[in-house]
Structure formats: structure tokens, C-alpha cells
Amino acid sequence: MTKFRALGLALFLALLSPFAAMAQSTSAQPTEGYGSNITVTTSWADLVTTYTGMVSAPAFVHNIGTSRVVVFFTASASAPTAGGIVIKPGDTLSGSAAHVWIRSIDSTGIVTVGKVSAAMGDANGGAVQGGSAAGAADSGNPVKIGCIYTATMPTLADGQRGNVSCDSRSNVSVFAKFGLATGNDTVSNAVLASPGSVTAANPSGNPNLMTVANWYYDGTQWVRIRGDTNGSFVVGKGGAGLNSGQVSVGTSSTLVAAARAGRGKIILGVGAANTCAFGNTGVTTTTGYPLQPIAGASLTLDSSAAIYAACSATTTVSFLEQY
């Protein structure tokens, strides 16, 4: 009886010894991987021989095969003769020791091994953290991330963390933020403030490629650059307004068309056999731009300024302006 009691005590101590250097977990933990898909036979093998980063470091063994495996965290460099912890398929064992012995029980096993991250210790047993702090030099391996789809865009307060957003097809949502036009060159915020029209009712905005509407400023308002139905670029500017008139011009500088903000074009023509010169106030027949009295001859200007003329003799000058 005494002999059997001694043998039972020795066996109990041998089975208990691995717990002094390890703790068991059956859930995934933040890790720095060393190896995956490692084949385990029924003979003892020391993992630290190949995976030296596990030596005396918080490490784990995860059973990804279909066979049970035995793991022994120990200070001994010799293969165990007894003891160890059985890991069922799908379970994980973690611990820290100079040597990590492993063997399969049923048949060839497969495991993944690695180092438990230093980011362990929150209330739920673990927390994934990056390899470097904000503002520090980058280090470590990248972490696979995902995105979240919500029908209504969230509203965050200052300093709050937000999720990466995506649409219902897992396309990551990226929106450019633009400042609004201010001062004299004002435009409608609904037109130029937010390409894609991102709103609470339309959180994904325009699902197509972002396009830019080109505009020019005519001195009073922003006007769209136009094209025709064939896609040809139209250089002309101005609106749909037209104004025409005829002015009798003598040999001195005479106002033909007053300045008009928003004018696109003005066409000038002379109606008698006299040469007229056009220009600014004070223009003369020798300082202005001459227009000969030839049938069909005209002068076209893209200007919103006032236009004056002086002729070699009294002449009727006609104009047609678009604005």
C-alpha cells in the first residue's frame, strides 16, 4: 500500500509541475506570430529549437488540427517522461518557459505557435494594440482591418473614436471635405460645397466617380463653362439676355454701349461709307481700333467695359450685346 501511495504522489507532482510556469486559455489572444501549420508527431519535440522567440517569453500554442496534442512548458532541455497539458482541436494554451515540448496523442497534429502580445490585461482578457504609439516611428507588422456599414452616418463629439465607414457592398467610404467660398465671390453651398451630396439621408453620397464642375467668375456671379450636345467645348460666355441699339457717332468720342457686368459678347458695325474707330472714352479716329465700312464687316469683343467710337463723319453705329 505504501509503495502505491508513493507512486501516486510522484505521478500527481509530475502532472502538476507544468502549471507552475503557464496559464491556460481557450480563446484567441493578441499575438506576434512565429509559425503556422506546424506538423506535430507522436514524438516529443522542443518548439524553441526552431522558434527561438518563444524562449522564456509569454507564448501560445494553438491546435488547428484534428488530433489532440500535449504541451509541456518546462525549464528542462530534456524531453519529458510524463506530464504535460492536453490541447483539444481548436483550443489554445499559453505559458512561459525556457523550453516548450510538444507531441501528438492520436495521430499527426497541426499547430500554430507564437508570442503573446504585451498588450494583454484589460478587463476582458486582452486588447489588440499597435506596435508603436501615436507620433512615434512606425514599427511592427500591419493589422488586418474591416469597415462598418450604417444607414445613418454617426455624429461624433470632439475626441471620440470612429469606425471606418463603407457602403452596403463593403466599399470604403472616403469623402473630401471642402471649405466654403466667402467674400464677394459667393456661390451656393449646395452647388460647390460637397461633391457627392453626402447627407444624413444619403450617407454614401454619389456612388459614381467624383467629377468637378468648372466655373468662371464674370465679375458678378459664377457661371458654368458650357459645351454643346456633341461634347464640344464652347468658349463663349454670358447668359441668354440680348440687347441691341444704334447710335449716331460724329467726329468726337461718343458712347456707343455702356458698361454691363455679366456681358459675354458685343458686336459692333458701321452703316455708312465712313471709317469709325473704337476704344475707351476719349478715343479718336487716329487712336482707336478702325472698322472700315465694308459690307458685312463687324467688330466682336468679349468685354463688359463701356465702348466709345469716333468716326470720320457722322455715322450710325449699331451694336448687339449678349449678357
Protein backbone atom coordinates (compact mmCIF):
# COMPACT_ATOMS: atom_id res chain seq x y z
CA MET A 1 0.00 0.00 0.00
CA THR A 2 2.82 2.43 0.91
CA LYS A 3 4.52 1.71 -2.45
CA PHE A 4 1.33 2.57 -4.37
CA ARG A 5 0.83 5.78 -2.36
CA ALA A 6 4.40 6.97 -3.17
CA LEU A 7 3.92 6.18 -6.83
CA GLY A 8 0.59 8.08 -6.87
CA LEU A 9 2.18 11.14 -5.21
CA ALA A 10 5.05 11.19 -7.70
CA LEU A 11 2.63 10.97 -10.61
CA PHE A 12 0.49 13.80 -9.15
CA LEU A 13 3.55 16.09 -8.76
CA ALA A 14 4.68 15.33 -12.29
CA LEU A 15 1.27 16.26 -13.64
CA LEU A 16 1.12 19.43 -11.53
CA SER A 17 4.58 20.78 -12.46
CA PRO A 18 3.64 22.41 -15.82
CA PHE A 19 1.10 24.69 -14.12
CA ALA A 20 3.87 26.46 -12.22
CA ALA A 21 5.12 28.03 -15.46
CA MET A 22 1.98 28.54 -17.50
CA ALA A 23 -1.67 29.63 -17.69
CA GLN A 24 -4.28 28.13 -19.99
CA SER A 25 -6.64 29.94 -22.37
CA THR A 26 -9.12 28.54 -24.87
CA SER A 27 -9.72 31.79 -26.77
CA ALA A 28 -7.70 33.69 -29.37
CA GLN A 29 -5.29 36.30 -27.98
CA PRO A 30 -3.28 39.22 -29.41
CA THR A 31 -0.07 37.67 -30.70
CA GLU A 32 3.18 38.12 -32.53
CA GLY A 33 3.29 35.00 -34.71
CA TYR A 34 6.30 32.73 -35.07
CA GLY A 35 4.96 29.83 -37.09
CA SER A 36 1.77 28.32 -38.52
CA ASN A 37 0.73 24.90 -39.83
CA ILE A 38 3.47 23.16 -37.84
CA THR A 39 3.33 19.36 -38.08
CA VAL A 40 3.42 17.56 -34.71
CA THR A 41 4.31 13.85 -34.45
CA THR A 42 3.85 11.44 -31.56
CA SER A 43 7.48 12.02 -30.52
CA TRP A 44 8.44 14.86 -28.19
CA ALA A 45 9.89 17.98 -29.92
CA ASP A 46 11.12 21.24 -28.37
CA LEU A 47 9.48 24.19 -30.14
CA VAL A 48 12.12 26.71 -29.00
CA THR A 49 14.73 24.88 -31.07
CA THR A 50 13.11 26.33 -34.20
CA TYR A 51 11.10 29.22 -32.77
CA THR A 52 13.69 30.88 -30.54
CA GLY A 53 11.48 33.89 -29.82
CA MET A 54 9.40 31.67 -27.53
CA VAL A 55 12.29 31.15 -25.08
CA SER A 56 11.19 32.41 -21.64
CA ALA A 57 8.61 34.67 -23.32
CA PRO A 58 4.82 34.68 -22.96
CA ALA A 59 3.92 32.27 -25.76
CA PHE A 60 0.96 30.27 -27.00
CA VAL A 61 0.25 27.03 -28.83
CA HIS A 62 -2.99 26.81 -30.82
CA ASN A 63 -4.24 23.44 -32.03
CA ILE A 64 -5.55 23.84 -35.58
CA GLY A 65 -5.51 20.13 -36.45
CA THR A 66 -7.82 17.22 -35.71
CA SER A 67 -5.58 15.36 -33.26
CA ARG A 68 -5.04 16.10 -29.58
CA VAL A 69 -1.57 17.36 -28.65
CA VAL A 70 0.34 17.50 -25.34
CA VAL A 71 2.34 20.62 -24.44
CA PHE A 72 4.87 20.86 -21.60
CA PHE A 73 6.26 24.27 -20.55
CA THR A 74 9.43 23.50 -18.56
CA ALA A 75 12.93 24.68 -17.68
CA SER A 76 14.39 21.32 -18.67
CA ALA A 77 16.15 20.79 -22.00
CA SER A 78 15.39 17.08 -21.80
CA ALA A 79 12.27 15.54 -23.28
CA PRO A 80 9.59 14.87 -20.65
CA THR A 81 8.90 11.36 -19.47
CA ALA A 82 5.50 12.30 -18.06
CA GLY A 83 3.16 15.26 -17.59
CA GLY A 84 2.01 17.99 -19.93
CA ILE A 85 -1.33 19.52 -20.78
CA VAL A 86 -3.62 18.09 -23.44
CA ILE A 87 -4.91 20.60 -26.01
CA LYS A 88 -8.01 19.59 -27.91
CA PRO A 89 -8.51 20.68 -31.54
CA GLY A 90 -9.43 24.38 -31.63
CA ASP A 91 -8.05 25.14 -28.14
CA THR A 92 -5.12 27.38 -27.21
CA LEU A 93 -2.56 27.00 -24.41
CA SER A 94 -0.30 29.84 -23.26
CA GLY A 95 2.63 29.98 -20.89
CA SER A 96 6.26 30.98 -20.40
CA ALA A 97 9.31 28.73 -20.01
CA ALA A 98 12.80 28.13 -21.38
CA HIS A 99 11.57 25.04 -23.25
CA VAL A 100 8.22 24.17 -24.81
CA TRP A 101 7.89 20.45 -25.52
CA ILE A 102 5.07 19.15 -27.70
CA ARG A 103 3.83 15.83 -29.12
CA SER A 104 0.67 14.45 -30.70
CA ILE A 105 -1.53 11.84 -28.98
CA ASP A 106 -3.79 10.34 -31.62
CA SER A 107 -2.02 10.94 -34.94
CA THR A 108 -0.10 13.68 -36.67
CA GLY A 109 -1.23 17.07 -35.37
CA ILE A 110 -1.01 20.63 -36.68
CA VAL A 111 -0.48 23.71 -34.51
CA THR A 112 0.26 27.42 -34.72
CA VAL A 113 2.68 28.93 -32.21
CA GLY A 114 3.62 32.47 -31.32
CA LYS A 115 4.35 35.08 -28.70
CA VAL A 116 1.56 36.56 -26.59
CA SER A 117 1.45 40.35 -27.05
CA ALA A 118 2.43 42.65 -24.18
CA ALA A 119 -0.94 44.36 -24.71
CA MET A 120 -2.70 41.74 -22.53
CA GLY A 121 -4.51 42.66 -19.35
CA ASP A 122 -7.77 44.50 -19.93
CA ALA A 123 -11.00 43.54 -18.22
CA ASN A 124 -11.92 41.08 -20.96
CA GLY A 125 -8.57 39.28 -21.01
CA GLY A 126 -6.85 41.04 -23.90
CA ALA A 127 -6.67 44.10 -26.18
CA VAL A 128 -5.08 44.47 -29.60
CA GLN A 129 -2.73 47.44 -29.83
CA GLY A 130 -0.37 48.78 -32.46
CA GLY A 131 3.38 48.28 -32.39
CA SER A 132 4.13 51.96 -31.78
CA ALA A 133 2.49 54.94 -30.11
CA ALA A 134 0.92 57.91 -31.90
CA GLY A 135 3.62 60.28 -33.12
CA ALA A 136 6.36 57.64 -32.79
CA ALA A 137 8.32 55.93 -35.57
CA ASP A 138 6.40 53.12 -37.24
CA SER A 139 7.23 49.53 -36.29
CA GLY A 140 5.70 46.04 -36.28
CA ASN A 141 3.51 44.23 -38.77
CA PRO A 142 0.27 45.61 -40.27
CA VAL A 143 -3.09 44.60 -38.79
CA LYS A 144 -5.97 43.50 -41.00
CA ILE A 145 -8.93 45.83 -40.53
CA GLY A 146 -12.57 45.92 -41.54
CA CYS A 147 -15.22 48.59 -42.02
CA ILE A 148 -18.79 49.08 -40.82
CA TYR A 149 -21.90 49.96 -42.82
CA THR A 150 -24.59 52.11 -41.23
CA ALA A 151 -27.66 53.50 -42.94
CA THR A 152 -27.32 56.73 -40.94
CA MET A 153 -23.95 58.47 -40.62
CA PRO A 154 -22.84 58.80 -36.97
CA THR A 155 -22.26 62.13 -35.25
CA LEU A 156 -19.11 62.14 -33.10
CA ALA A 157 -18.12 64.53 -30.35
CA ASP A 158 -14.66 66.08 -30.07
CA GLY A 159 -12.03 63.45 -29.24
CA GLN A 160 -14.26 60.43 -29.88
CA ARG A 161 -13.04 57.47 -31.96
CA GLY A 162 -14.99 56.46 -35.05
CA ASN A 163 -15.28 53.38 -37.25
CA VAL A 164 -14.06 53.19 -40.84
CA SER A 165 -17.26 53.52 -42.90
CA CYS A 166 -18.21 51.56 -46.01
CA ASP A 167 -21.25 51.17 -48.22
CA SER A 168 -23.51 48.12 -48.43
CA ARG A 169 -21.03 46.47 -50.82
CA SER A 170 -18.04 46.89 -48.46
CA ASN A 171 -16.52 49.75 -50.49
CA VAL A 172 -14.67 52.04 -48.09
CA SER A 173 -16.31 55.48 -48.00
CA VAL A 174 -13.91 58.39 -48.45
CA PHE A 175 -15.25 61.93 -48.64
CA ALA A 176 -13.22 65.04 -49.42
CA LYS A 177 -14.00 67.98 -47.15
CA PHE A 178 -14.08 71.39 -48.84
CA GLY A 179 -14.13 74.90 -47.43
CA LEU A 180 -16.96 77.19 -48.49
CA ALA A 181 -16.50 80.23 -50.73
CA THR A 182 -16.69 83.54 -48.86
CA GLY A 183 -16.46 87.24 -49.63
CA ASN A 184 -17.63 88.78 -52.90
CA ASP A 185 -17.22 85.59 -54.95
CA THR A 186 -20.09 83.78 -53.27
CA VAL A 187 -21.72 80.65 -54.63
CA SER A 188 -24.49 78.36 -53.46
CA ASN A 189 -23.23 75.91 -50.85
CA ALA A 190 -25.46 73.21 -52.31
CA VAL A 191 -23.64 73.54 -55.64
CA LEU A 192 -19.96 73.64 -54.70
CA ALA A 193 -19.59 72.78 -51.01
CA SER A 194 -19.77 68.99 -51.05
CA PRO A 195 -19.19 66.89 -54.17
CA GLY A 196 -21.12 63.65 -53.81
CA SER A 197 -24.00 65.27 -51.87
CA VAL A 198 -23.29 63.45 -48.60
CA THR A 199 -26.25 63.94 -46.26
CA ALA A 200 -27.87 62.10 -43.37
CA ALA A 201 -30.49 60.80 -45.77
CA ASN A 202 -27.86 59.84 -48.34
CA PRO A 203 -24.82 58.74 -46.26
CA SER A 204 -22.97 57.09 -49.14
CA GLY A 205 -23.32 60.13 -51.41
CA ASN A 206 -22.80 59.71 -55.13
CA PRO A 207 -21.67 56.10 -55.78
CA ASN A 208 -20.09 57.10 -59.10
CA LEU A 209 -16.66 58.61 -59.72
CA MET A 210 -16.22 62.13 -58.39
CA THR A 211 -16.48 64.83 -61.06
CA VAL A 212 -15.67 68.53 -60.93
CA ALA A 213 -17.95 71.27 -62.30
CA ASN A 214 -15.83 74.03 -63.87
CA TRP A 215 -16.93 77.61 -63.36
CA TYR A 216 -15.68 81.11 -64.19
CA TYR A 217 -16.39 84.40 -62.43
CA ASP A 218 -17.80 87.16 -64.64
CA GLY A 219 -17.42 89.93 -62.09
CA THR A 220 -20.81 89.44 -60.50
CA GLN A 221 -21.60 85.73 -60.38
CA TRP A 222 -20.20 82.26 -61.05
CA VAL A 223 -21.17 80.87 -64.46
CA ARG A 224 -20.80 77.27 -65.67
CA ILE A 225 -18.40 76.59 -68.54
CA ARG A 226 -20.58 75.15 -71.31
CA GLY A 227 -20.42 72.59 -74.08
CA ASP A 228 -22.75 71.66 -76.92
CA THR A 229 -24.71 68.40 -77.39
CA ASN A 230 -21.78 66.89 -79.30
CA GLY A 231 -19.43 67.37 -76.35
CA SER A 232 -17.53 70.23 -77.98
CA PHE A 233 -16.21 72.87 -75.63
CA VAL A 234 -17.96 76.22 -76.01
CA VAL A 235 -15.57 79.11 -75.48
CA GLY A 236 -18.23 81.77 -75.42
CA LYS A 237 -19.65 83.01 -72.14
CA GLY A 238 -22.58 85.06 -70.99
CA GLY A 239 -26.24 84.41 -70.44
CA ALA A 240 -29.38 84.36 -72.54
CA GLY A 241 -30.01 88.12 -72.49
CA LEU A 242 -29.70 90.23 -75.67
CA ASN A 243 -29.66 94.00 -76.15
CA SER A 244 -29.28 95.97 -79.38
CA GLY A 245 -29.17 99.60 -80.42
CA GLN A 246 -28.00 102.24 -82.90
CA VAL A 247 -26.07 105.38 -82.01
CA SER A 248 -25.21 108.37 -84.16
CA VAL A 249 -21.47 108.98 -83.83
CA GLY A 250 -19.68 112.11 -85.01
CA THR A 251 -16.01 113.00 -85.16
CA SER A 252 -15.63 113.25 -81.37
CA SER A 253 -15.64 110.42 -78.80
CA THR A 254 -19.22 109.17 -78.34
CA LEU A 255 -20.56 106.43 -76.00
CA VAL A 256 -21.90 103.51 -78.07
CA ALA A 257 -22.60 100.91 -75.34
CA ALA A 258 -22.46 101.47 -71.60
CA ALA A 259 -20.55 99.08 -69.34
CA ARG A 260 -22.54 95.96 -68.42
CA ALA A 261 -21.49 93.48 -65.74
CA GLY A 262 -22.02 89.94 -66.98
CA ARG A 263 -21.79 90.83 -70.66
CA GLY A 264 -20.50 87.93 -72.74
CA LYS A 265 -20.02 89.47 -76.20
CA ILE A 266 -20.78 92.64 -78.12
CA ILE A 267 -20.83 93.00 -81.92
CA LEU A 268 -20.24 96.45 -83.49
CA GLY A 269 -20.91 97.55 -87.08
CA VAL A 270 -20.97 100.78 -89.11
CA GLY A 271 -23.74 101.66 -91.54
CA ALA A 272 -22.27 104.31 -93.82
CA ALA A 273 -19.23 104.84 -96.04
CA ASN A 274 -17.22 106.31 -93.20
CA THR A 275 -14.43 104.80 -91.13
CA CYS A 276 -15.06 104.60 -87.37
CA ALA A 277 -12.56 103.87 -84.60
CA PHE A 278 -13.49 102.18 -81.31
CA GLY A 279 -11.92 102.35 -77.87
CA ASN A 280 -12.20 103.85 -74.41
CA THR A 281 -13.51 107.27 -73.52
CA GLY A 282 -11.64 109.98 -75.42
CA VAL A 283 -10.99 107.74 -78.44
CA THR A 284 -10.23 109.45 -81.79
CA THR A 285 -10.07 108.23 -85.36
CA THR A 286 -6.28 108.07 -85.00
CA THR A 287 -6.05 106.35 -81.60
CA GLY A 288 -8.92 103.84 -81.76
CA TYR A 289 -9.36 100.49 -83.46
CA PRO A 290 -10.60 101.23 -87.00
CA LEU A 291 -13.54 99.48 -88.64
CA GLN A 292 -13.88 100.02 -92.40
CA PRO A 293 -17.32 100.45 -93.97
CA ILE A 294 -17.21 97.15 -95.86
CA ALA A 295 -20.37 95.09 -96.32
CA GLY A 296 -20.63 92.52 -93.56
CA ALA A 297 -17.68 93.93 -91.58
CA SER A 298 -18.11 93.92 -87.81
CA LEU A 299 -16.09 94.02 -84.62
CA THR A 300 -16.74 91.44 -81.86
CA LEU A 301 -15.48 91.98 -78.32
CA ASP A 302 -15.58 89.84 -75.15
CA SER A 303 -15.73 92.73 -72.73
CA SER A 304 -18.03 94.19 -70.11
CA ALA A 305 -16.46 97.69 -70.38
CA ALA A 306 -18.06 100.79 -71.86
CA ILE A 307 -17.30 101.22 -75.58
CA TYR A 308 -16.78 104.57 -77.33
CA ALA A 309 -16.35 105.47 -81.00
CA ALA A 310 -15.30 108.37 -83.22
CA CYS A 311 -15.92 108.47 -86.99
CA SER A 312 -14.51 110.38 -89.95
CA ALA A 313 -18.01 111.81 -90.43
CA THR A 314 -21.34 111.42 -88.72
CA THR A 315 -22.21 107.73 -88.94
CA THR A 316 -24.77 105.34 -87.45
CA VAL A 317 -23.04 102.66 -85.37
CA SER A 318 -25.04 99.52 -84.49
CA PHE A 319 -24.38 97.07 -81.65
CA LEU A 320 -25.72 93.73 -80.41
CA GLU A 321 -24.69 92.52 -76.97
CA GLN A 322 -25.20 89.24 -75.12
CA TYR A 323 -25.35 89.15 -71.31
